[in-house]
Amino acid sequence: MPLSQTGSYTTQIQHNHILMPTSQTWSYTRTYIKNPMS
């Protein structure tokens, strides 16, 4: 039981770490590309 919970928790952390930075990087990249072109 604890092993299963730990695995699930680790998966959730990895999922969040993959999703959130990608979203932030995309937002930053769009802003960075937009500014020099203006």
N, C-alpha and C. Protein backbone atom coordinates (compact mmCIF):
# COMPACT_ATOMS: atom_id res chain seq x y z
N MET A 1 0.83 -1.21 0.00
CA MET A 1 0.00 0.00 0.00
C MET A 1 0.86 1.27 0.00
N PRO A 2 1.81 1.43 0.94
CA PRO A 2 2.63 2.65 0.94
C PRO A 2 3.42 2.80 -0.36
N LEU A 3 3.91 1.68 -0.88
CA LEU A 3 4.70 1.72 -2.11
C LEU A 3 3.83 2.23 -3.26
N SER A 4 2.61 1.76 -3.32
CA SER A 4 1.68 2.19 -4.37
C SER A 4 1.37 3.67 -4.24
N GLN A 5 1.16 4.14 -3.02
CA GLN A 5 0.86 5.55 -2.79
C GLN A 5 2.07 6.41 -3.18
N THR A 6 3.27 5.95 -2.82
CA THR A 6 4.47 6.71 -3.14
C THR A 6 4.65 6.82 -4.65
N GLY A 7 4.39 5.73 -5.36
CA GLY A 7 4.51 5.73 -6.81
C GLY A 7 3.52 6.69 -7.44
N SER A 8 2.31 6.69 -6.91
CA SER A 8 1.27 7.59 -7.43
C SER A 8 1.65 9.04 -7.16
N TYR A 9 2.19 9.29 -5.97
CA TYR A 9 2.59 10.65 -5.60
C TYR A 9 3.74 11.13 -6.48
N THR A 10 4.70 10.23 -6.74
CA THR A 10 5.84 10.58 -7.60
C THR A 10 5.36 10.91 -9.01
N THR A 11 4.43 10.12 -9.51
CA THR A 11 3.89 10.36 -10.85
C THR A 11 3.21 11.71 -10.92
N GLN A 12 2.50 12.06 -9.85
CA GLN A 12 1.79 13.34 -9.82
C GLN A 12 2.79 14.49 -9.84
N ILE A 13 3.89 14.35 -9.09
CA ILE A 13 4.92 15.40 -9.05
C ILE A 13 5.55 15.55 -10.43
N GLN A 14 5.91 14.44 -11.05
CA GLN A 14 6.53 14.49 -12.38
C GLN A 14 5.57 15.13 -13.37
N HIS A 15 4.29 14.79 -13.27
CA HIS A 15 3.29 15.35 -14.18
C HIS A 15 3.22 16.86 -14.03
N ASN A 16 3.22 17.33 -12.79
CA ASN A 16 3.16 18.77 -12.53
C ASN A 16 4.42 19.46 -13.01
N HIS A 17 5.57 18.83 -12.79
CA HIS A 17 6.84 19.44 -13.18
C HIS A 17 6.97 19.51 -14.69
N ILE A 18 6.32 18.59 -15.38
CA ILE A 18 6.37 18.61 -16.85
C ILE A 18 5.39 19.66 -17.39
N LEU A 19 4.21 19.72 -16.80
CA LEU A 19 3.18 20.63 -17.31
C LEU A 19 3.50 22.09 -17.03
N MET A 20 3.75 22.42 -15.77
CA MET A 20 3.88 23.82 -15.38
C MET A 20 5.06 24.54 -16.05
N PRO A 21 6.28 23.99 -16.00
CA PRO A 21 7.39 24.69 -16.65
C PRO A 21 7.16 24.85 -18.16
N THR A 22 6.53 23.88 -18.79
CA THR A 22 6.26 23.98 -20.23
C THR A 22 5.34 25.16 -20.50
N SER A 23 4.33 25.31 -19.67
CA SER A 23 3.39 26.42 -19.82
C SER A 23 4.09 27.75 -19.60
N GLN A 24 4.93 27.82 -18.57
CA GLN A 24 5.65 29.06 -18.28
C GLN A 24 6.65 29.37 -19.38
N THR A 25 7.35 28.35 -19.86
CA THR A 25 8.34 28.55 -20.92
C THR A 25 7.67 29.02 -22.20
N TRP A 26 6.51 28.44 -22.52
CA TRP A 26 5.78 28.83 -23.73
C TRP A 26 5.35 30.29 -23.65
N SER A 27 4.85 30.68 -22.47
CA SER A 27 4.40 32.05 -22.26
C SER A 27 5.59 33.00 -22.38
N TYR A 28 6.72 32.63 -21.79
CA TYR A 28 7.92 33.46 -21.83
C TYR A 28 8.46 33.54 -23.26
N THR A 29 8.43 32.40 -23.96
CA THR A 29 8.93 32.37 -25.34
C THR A 29 8.08 33.26 -26.24
N ARG A 30 6.76 33.19 -26.09
CA ARG A 30 5.87 34.03 -26.91
C ARG A 30 6.17 35.50 -26.66
N THR A 31 6.34 35.87 -25.40
CA THR A 31 6.62 37.27 -25.06
C THR A 31 7.98 37.69 -25.61
N TYR A 32 8.97 36.80 -25.49
CA TYR A 32 10.33 37.11 -25.93
C TYR A 32 10.38 37.28 -27.45
N ILE A 33 9.64 36.44 -28.17
CA ILE A 33 9.63 36.52 -29.64
C ILE A 33 8.83 37.75 -30.08
N LYS A 34 7.78 38.07 -29.35
CA LYS A 34 6.90 39.17 -29.71
C LYS A 34 7.62 40.52 -29.59
N ASN A 35 8.40 40.69 -28.52
CA ASN A 35 9.02 41.99 -28.26
C ASN A 35 10.02 42.43 -29.33
N PRO A 36 11.00 41.61 -29.70
CA PRO A 36 11.96 42.05 -30.72
C PRO A 36 11.29 42.36 -32.06
N MET A 37 10.21 41.67 -32.39
CA MET A 37 9.55 41.89 -33.67
C MET A 37 8.79 43.22 -33.68
N SER A 38 8.38 43.69 -32.53
CA SER A 38 7.58 44.93 -32.49
C SER A 38 8.43 46.09 -32.98
